[in-house]
Amino acid sequence: MSTSVERFDERARREADRVGNTTVRRGELLRHPVYTRVLHWLVAIAFVLSLLSGFAVSSPWLFRFLALIFGGGPMSRFLHPWFGLFFDIFFLFQFLNWCAPMVWTQADRRWLKRIKAYTTNEDKIEPEDVGFFNGGQKLYFWAIVLSGVLFLITGLLMWFDNAVWRWLVAVSYVIHDLAALLMLAGFIIHIYEGTAAMPGTFRAMSDGTVTEKWAWTHHPAWYRAVTGRDPREDYEASKRRQNERERAIDAWERKEDVRER
């Protein structure tokens, strides 16, 4: 990332932090500041609006009911390119914000090789070289970059279809729809991973914080970088405390059973 972009990003973060704040409690770590969270939700909202209006426009026979949300078919057709344009603009700022931590590394290649173990939750914690983002999150990010570029190019060709060749417009429709399907598939996986698959992840984009346990479980290298502590040692210490609590509870229950008899 260039120095000018870094200065812009830092300035944007400071301005956002003046408007909102993030409360980090004991046992928590700051995951995403206000600026990042605002951009994330703006991108998400713009994408959902683009998706719904796009369905209403491209397949009115199946998604006619979606057009009612935007005031009918003609209004859906009018709004859809603007929603798409807003998506690209918001994501451009998110791209500048996340470009550096999304660089592909050797650790991400190793993560990709063990994706089966990741999806089946074979390990209690992730490998110690998994940083702020893992390989799957980076793949999703770069898929959005690719889709966003395709959306912009093909969208402009379809928007100004009277100024280009008809065959180019026809090809643009196909590429536009394929990019939308790619984004939709990634979006569904993203929602699942951020909620049911990894409890505690959603709060990172709502409150901006995560628990230390979440951090050493899913992003050990990042946990080590921000705390200076060994994630494996803290995991083992937490497991010992949990076992001690369970033994204490069992002992108390046995004592109560004896007393009741």
Protein backbone atom coordinates (compact mmCIF):
# COMPACT_ATOMS: atom_id res chain seq x y z
CA MET A 1 0.00 0.00 0.00
CA SER A 2 1.38 3.41 -0.93
CA THR A 3 2.22 6.00 1.69
CA SER A 4 -0.52 8.35 0.45
CA VAL A 5 -3.15 5.62 0.77
CA GLU A 6 -1.91 4.76 4.27
CA ARG A 7 -2.21 8.43 5.30
CA PHE A 8 -5.74 8.61 3.87
CA ASP A 9 -6.79 5.43 5.63
CA GLU A 10 -5.35 6.56 8.95
CA ARG A 11 -7.06 9.94 8.64
CA ALA A 12 -10.40 8.26 7.85
CA ARG A 13 -10.04 6.03 10.90
CA ARG A 14 -9.39 9.00 13.17
CA GLU A 15 -12.40 10.90 11.83
CA ALA A 16 -14.66 7.87 12.30
CA ASP A 17 -13.43 7.35 15.87
CA ARG A 18 -14.44 10.93 16.68
CA VAL A 19 -18.04 10.13 15.76
CA GLY A 20 -18.29 6.70 17.40
CA ASN A 21 -16.36 4.71 19.95
CA THR A 22 -15.60 1.11 20.80
CA THR A 23 -15.66 -0.17 24.38
CA VAL A 24 -13.10 -2.89 25.06
CA ARG A 25 -13.80 -4.76 28.30
CA ARG A 26 -11.58 -7.05 30.33
CA GLY A 27 -10.88 -10.27 28.46
CA GLU A 28 -11.65 -8.67 25.09
CA LEU A 29 -9.57 -7.39 22.18
CA LEU A 30 -10.32 -4.68 19.64
CA ARG A 31 -10.98 -6.43 16.33
CA HIS A 32 -12.53 -3.78 14.05
CA PRO A 33 -12.63 -0.02 14.75
CA VAL A 34 -15.62 2.18 13.90
CA TYR A 35 -14.40 3.06 10.40
CA THR A 36 -14.05 -0.57 9.36
CA ARG A 37 -17.45 -1.51 10.76
CA VAL A 38 -19.22 1.37 9.02
CA LEU A 39 -17.63 0.44 5.68
CA HIS A 40 -18.49 -3.22 6.17
CA TRP A 41 -22.19 -2.50 6.72
CA LEU A 42 -22.38 0.03 3.90
CA VAL A 43 -20.89 -2.55 1.51
CA ALA A 44 -23.26 -5.24 2.82
CA ILE A 45 -26.36 -3.06 2.53
CA ALA A 46 -25.44 -1.90 -0.97
CA PHE A 47 -24.83 -5.49 -2.06
CA VAL A 48 -28.16 -6.75 -0.67
CA LEU A 49 -30.06 -3.91 -2.34
CA SER A 50 -28.21 -4.59 -5.61
CA LEU A 51 -28.95 -8.30 -5.31
CA LEU A 52 -32.67 -7.92 -4.61
CA SER A 53 -33.25 -5.27 -7.27
CA GLY A 54 -31.18 -7.32 -9.71
CA PHE A 55 -33.36 -10.38 -9.16
CA ALA A 56 -36.47 -8.24 -9.66
CA VAL A 57 -35.10 -6.89 -12.95
CA SER A 58 -33.51 -10.04 -14.42
CA SER A 59 -36.21 -12.56 -13.46
CA PRO A 60 -39.51 -10.71 -12.93
CA TRP A 61 -41.48 -13.91 -13.58
CA LEU A 62 -39.93 -15.46 -10.46
CA PHE A 63 -39.10 -12.45 -8.29
CA ARG A 64 -41.96 -10.10 -9.10
CA PHE A 65 -42.64 -9.68 -5.38
CA LEU A 66 -39.17 -8.17 -4.89
CA ALA A 67 -40.00 -5.35 -7.29
CA LEU A 68 -42.72 -4.22 -4.86
CA ILE A 69 -40.00 -3.39 -2.32
CA PHE A 70 -38.60 -0.75 -4.66
CA GLY A 71 -41.90 0.56 -6.02
CA GLY A 72 -42.36 -1.65 -9.05
CA GLY A 73 -40.41 -2.97 -12.02
CA PRO A 74 -39.48 0.36 -13.67
CA MET A 75 -38.25 1.79 -10.36
CA SER A 76 -36.26 -1.38 -9.67
CA ARG A 77 -34.61 -1.04 -13.06
CA PHE A 78 -33.80 2.60 -12.34
CA LEU A 79 -32.38 1.96 -8.86
CA HIS A 80 -30.37 -1.20 -9.56
CA PRO A 81 -27.39 0.44 -11.33
CA TRP A 82 -27.21 3.10 -8.62
CA PHE A 83 -27.13 0.46 -5.89
CA GLY A 84 -24.35 -1.27 -7.81
CA LEU A 85 -22.42 1.96 -8.16
CA PHE A 86 -22.71 2.64 -4.42
CA PHE A 87 -21.48 -0.91 -3.74
CA ASP A 88 -18.36 -0.35 -5.84
CA ILE A 89 -17.67 3.03 -4.23
CA PHE A 90 -18.04 1.74 -0.66
CA PHE A 91 -15.99 -1.35 -1.41
CA LEU A 92 -13.22 0.79 -2.93
CA PHE A 93 -12.76 2.39 0.49
CA GLN A 94 -12.89 -1.04 2.12
CA PHE A 95 -10.28 -2.25 -0.35
CA LEU A 96 -7.96 0.60 0.62
CA ASN A 97 -8.64 -0.19 4.28
CA TRP A 98 -7.88 -3.91 4.01
CA CYS A 99 -5.44 -4.13 1.13
CA ALA A 100 -2.36 -4.65 3.32
CA PRO A 101 -3.68 -7.39 5.67
CA MET A 102 -5.26 -9.21 2.70
CA VAL A 103 -1.92 -9.86 0.97
CA TRP A 104 -1.56 -13.60 0.25
CA THR A 105 1.24 -15.32 2.21
CA GLN A 106 2.80 -18.75 2.69
CA ALA A 107 0.67 -19.17 5.81
CA ASP A 108 -2.44 -18.80 3.65
CA ARG A 109 -1.20 -21.50 1.27
CA ARG A 110 -0.72 -23.82 4.21
CA TRP A 111 -4.19 -22.93 5.51
CA LEU A 112 -5.70 -23.76 2.13
CA LYS A 113 -4.10 -27.21 2.16
CA ARG A 114 -5.84 -28.03 5.44
CA ILE A 115 -9.23 -26.56 4.55
CA LYS A 116 -10.91 -29.94 5.09
CA ALA A 117 -9.69 -30.01 8.68
CA TYR A 118 -10.94 -26.45 9.09
CA THR A 119 -14.44 -27.17 7.79
CA THR A 120 -14.77 -30.31 9.93
CA ASN A 121 -13.38 -28.62 13.08
CA GLU A 122 -10.75 -31.30 13.61
CA ASP A 123 -8.48 -28.97 15.59
CA LYS A 124 -9.45 -27.10 18.74
CA ILE A 125 -7.45 -24.05 17.68
CA GLU A 126 -6.09 -22.85 14.35
CA PRO A 127 -2.38 -23.21 13.44
CA GLU A 128 -0.18 -20.61 15.10
CA ASP A 129 0.65 -18.86 11.81
CA VAL A 130 -2.97 -17.79 11.13
CA GLY A 131 -2.95 -14.00 11.39
CA PHE A 132 -5.58 -11.28 11.34
CA PHE A 133 -7.31 -12.93 8.35
CA ASN A 134 -7.10 -16.57 7.37
CA GLY A 135 -6.78 -17.90 3.83
CA GLY A 136 -10.53 -18.37 3.38
CA GLN A 137 -11.30 -14.79 4.35
CA LYS A 138 -8.66 -13.55 1.94
CA LEU A 139 -10.06 -15.68 -0.90
CA TYR A 140 -13.50 -14.19 -0.25
CA PHE A 141 -12.06 -10.68 -0.23
CA TRP A 142 -10.31 -11.12 -3.57
CA ALA A 143 -13.43 -12.75 -5.01
CA ILE A 144 -15.30 -9.55 -4.09
CA VAL A 145 -12.56 -7.49 -5.75
CA LEU A 146 -12.90 -9.51 -8.95
CA SER A 147 -16.70 -9.40 -8.84
CA GLY A 148 -16.70 -5.68 -8.10
CA VAL A 149 -14.52 -4.93 -11.13
CA LEU A 150 -16.74 -7.12 -13.32
CA PHE A 151 -19.86 -5.47 -11.90
CA LEU A 152 -18.53 -2.03 -12.71
CA ILE A 153 -17.35 -2.78 -16.25
CA THR A 154 -20.34 -4.86 -17.36
CA GLY A 155 -22.76 -2.60 -15.50
CA LEU A 156 -21.55 0.47 -17.35
CA LEU A 157 -21.78 -1.37 -20.68
CA MET A 158 -25.38 -2.35 -19.92
CA TRP A 159 -26.25 1.08 -18.54
CA PHE A 160 -25.06 2.80 -21.72
CA ASP A 161 -26.04 0.01 -24.09
CA ASN A 162 -26.83 2.41 -26.91
CA ALA A 163 -23.19 3.45 -27.15
CA VAL A 164 -21.58 0.01 -27.60
CA TRP A 165 -21.96 -3.07 -29.79
CA ARG A 166 -24.99 -5.27 -29.08
CA TRP A 167 -22.89 -8.43 -28.78
CA LEU A 168 -20.79 -6.74 -26.12
CA VAL A 169 -23.93 -5.89 -24.15
CA ALA A 170 -25.14 -9.50 -24.44
CA VAL A 171 -21.81 -10.83 -23.15
CA SER A 172 -21.93 -8.27 -20.34
CA TYR A 173 -25.27 -9.64 -19.14
CA VAL A 174 -23.80 -13.13 -18.84
CA ILE A 175 -20.64 -12.01 -17.05
CA HIS A 176 -22.65 -9.72 -14.78
CA ASP A 177 -24.92 -12.58 -13.71
CA LEU A 178 -22.00 -14.99 -13.16
CA ALA A 179 -20.24 -12.41 -10.98
CA ALA A 180 -23.45 -11.94 -9.00
CA LEU A 181 -23.76 -15.70 -8.43
CA LEU A 182 -20.12 -15.85 -7.28
CA MET A 183 -20.77 -13.03 -4.85
CA LEU A 184 -24.00 -14.61 -3.63
CA ALA A 185 -22.28 -17.96 -2.92
CA GLY A 186 -19.50 -16.21 -1.02
CA PHE A 187 -22.03 -14.05 0.83
CA ILE A 188 -23.96 -17.10 2.07
CA ILE A 189 -20.75 -18.79 3.27
CA HIS A 190 -19.66 -15.51 4.87
CA ILE A 191 -22.89 -15.24 6.86
CA TYR A 192 -22.65 -18.87 7.99
CA GLU A 193 -19.00 -18.56 9.05
CA GLY A 194 -19.71 -15.31 10.88
CA THR A 195 -22.61 -16.71 12.89
CA ALA A 196 -23.32 -20.44 13.35
CA ALA A 197 -19.90 -21.81 12.41
CA MET A 198 -17.87 -19.45 14.60
CA PRO A 199 -19.90 -18.10 17.55
CA GLY A 200 -18.59 -14.76 18.73
CA THR A 201 -17.56 -13.59 15.26
CA PHE A 202 -20.59 -11.42 14.53
CA ARG A 203 -19.89 -9.15 17.50
CA ALA A 204 -16.61 -8.16 15.83
CA MET A 205 -18.67 -6.22 13.28
CA SER A 206 -21.30 -5.02 15.75
CA ASP A 207 -19.38 -4.10 18.91
CA GLY A 208 -15.93 -4.16 17.31
CA THR A 209 -14.50 -6.56 19.89
CA VAL A 210 -13.88 -10.28 20.34
CA THR A 211 -13.02 -12.35 23.36
CA GLU A 212 -9.43 -13.41 23.93
CA LYS A 213 -10.60 -17.02 23.71
CA TRP A 214 -12.03 -16.34 20.23
CA ALA A 215 -8.78 -14.68 19.18
CA TRP A 216 -6.43 -17.46 20.29
CA THR A 217 -8.81 -20.07 18.84
CA HIS A 218 -9.26 -18.63 15.34
CA HIS A 219 -6.34 -16.21 14.80
CA PRO A 220 -3.42 -17.25 17.01
CA ALA A 221 -0.73 -15.21 15.23
CA TRP A 222 -2.84 -12.05 15.56
CA TYR A 223 -3.48 -12.86 19.23
CA ARG A 224 0.25 -13.22 19.84
CA ALA A 225 0.95 -9.94 18.01
CA VAL A 226 -1.53 -7.84 20.02
CA THR A 227 -1.06 -9.44 23.44
CA GLY A 228 2.54 -10.68 23.37
CA ARG A 229 1.35 -13.96 24.88
CA ASP A 230 1.56 -17.50 23.55
CA PRO A 231 -1.88 -18.57 22.23
CA ARG A 232 -1.26 -22.28 22.85
CA GLU A 233 -0.22 -21.67 26.46
CA ASP A 234 -3.27 -19.49 27.12
CA TYR A 235 -5.50 -22.11 25.53
CA GLU A 236 -4.03 -24.85 27.75
CA ALA A 237 -4.35 -22.63 30.84
CA SER A 238 -7.99 -21.93 29.99
CA LYS A 239 -8.64 -25.64 29.53
CA ARG A 240 -7.08 -26.41 32.92
CA ARG A 241 -9.25 -23.76 34.62
CA GLN A 242 -12.34 -25.18 32.93
CA ASN A 243 -11.46 -28.70 34.10
CA GLU A 244 -10.89 -27.44 37.64
CA ARG A 245 -14.28 -25.71 37.63
CA GLU A 246 -15.96 -28.87 36.38
CA ARG A 247 -14.26 -30.96 39.08
CA ALA A 248 -15.31 -28.44 41.72
CA ILE A 249 -18.91 -28.52 40.52
CA ASP A 250 -18.90 -32.33 40.47
CA ALA A 251 -17.48 -32.44 44.01
CA TRP A 252 -20.12 -29.98 45.24
CA GLU A 253 -22.93 -31.98 43.60
CA ARG A 254 -21.69 -35.22 45.18
CA LYS A 255 -21.52 -33.49 48.56
CA GLU A 256 -25.08 -32.25 48.17
CA ASP A 257 -26.28 -35.71 47.15
CA VAL A 258 -24.73 -37.20 50.28
CA ARG A 259 -26.31 -34.49 52.46
CA GLU A 260 -29.77 -35.07 50.96
CA ARG A 261 -29.57 -38.78 51.72
